[in-house]
């Protein structure tokens, strides 16, 4: 199950560099996780300052 970035994202970018498979990219208002690439490692969850990354579908 891939993680998702919620609307609480402040677009700080800290998650993007932590992703080992480069599944995170900058979107228009927030960062986005490509569910096809996400390996559910949780590295992004640990660095998010506002806890905007949650388990998803």
Protein backbone atom coordinates (compact mmCIF):
# COMPACT_ATOMS: atom_id res chain seq x y z
CA UNK A 1 0.00 0.00 0.00
CA UNK A 2 1.48 3.34 -1.06
CA UNK A 3 1.56 6.44 1.10
CA UNK A 4 -0.34 9.62 0.20
CA UNK A 5 0.34 13.27 0.95
CA UNK A 6 -2.65 15.07 2.46
CA UNK A 7 -3.78 18.66 2.01
CA UNK A 8 -1.89 19.50 5.21
CA UNK A 9 1.32 19.51 3.09
CA UNK A 10 3.18 22.82 3.33
CA UNK A 11 5.27 22.06 0.21
CA UNK A 12 8.57 22.24 2.09
CA UNK A 13 10.13 19.52 -0.08
CA UNK A 14 11.80 17.60 2.73
CA UNK A 15 10.12 14.35 1.66
CA UNK A 16 11.24 14.45 -1.97
CA UNK A 17 14.94 13.98 -1.28
CA UNK A 18 14.28 11.19 1.24
CA UNK A 19 12.45 8.92 -1.22
CA UNK A 20 14.81 6.13 -2.33
CA UNK A 21 12.74 5.35 -5.46
CA UNK A 22 12.03 8.98 -6.50
CA UNK A 23 8.27 8.50 -6.19
CA UNK A 24 7.68 12.01 -4.81
CA UNK A 25 7.41 15.08 -7.01
CA UNK A 26 6.29 18.66 -6.61
CA UNK A 27 2.68 19.28 -7.54
CA UNK A 28 0.80 22.53 -8.01
CA UNK A 29 -0.19 23.04 -4.37
CA UNK A 30 1.55 20.17 -2.57
CA UNK A 31 3.93 17.31 -3.17
CA UNK A 32 2.59 14.11 -4.73
CA UNK A 33 3.49 10.43 -4.39
CA UNK A 34 3.37 8.19 -7.47
CA UNK A 35 1.56 5.12 -6.13
CA UNK A 36 3.08 2.97 -8.88
CA UNK A 37 6.60 3.74 -7.64
CA UNK A 38 6.05 3.96 -3.87
CA UNK A 39 7.47 0.96 -2.00
CA UNK A 40 5.85 1.88 1.34
CA UNK A 41 9.23 2.28 3.07
CA UNK A 42 8.04 5.20 5.22
CA UNK A 43 11.19 7.32 4.83
CA UNK A 44 9.08 10.31 3.81
CA UNK A 45 6.80 9.96 6.84
CA UNK A 46 9.75 10.33 9.21
CA UNK A 47 10.90 13.67 7.75
CA UNK A 48 7.54 15.41 7.23
CA UNK A 49 7.40 18.34 9.71
CA UNK A 50 3.59 18.56 9.64
CA UNK A 51 2.73 14.84 9.51
CA UNK A 52 1.01 15.24 6.13
CA UNK A 53 2.02 11.80 4.80
CA UNK A 54 -0.30 8.93 5.64
CA UNK A 55 -0.79 5.29 4.57
CA UNK A 56 -3.17 5.25 1.64
CA UNK A 57 -4.22 3.35 -1.43
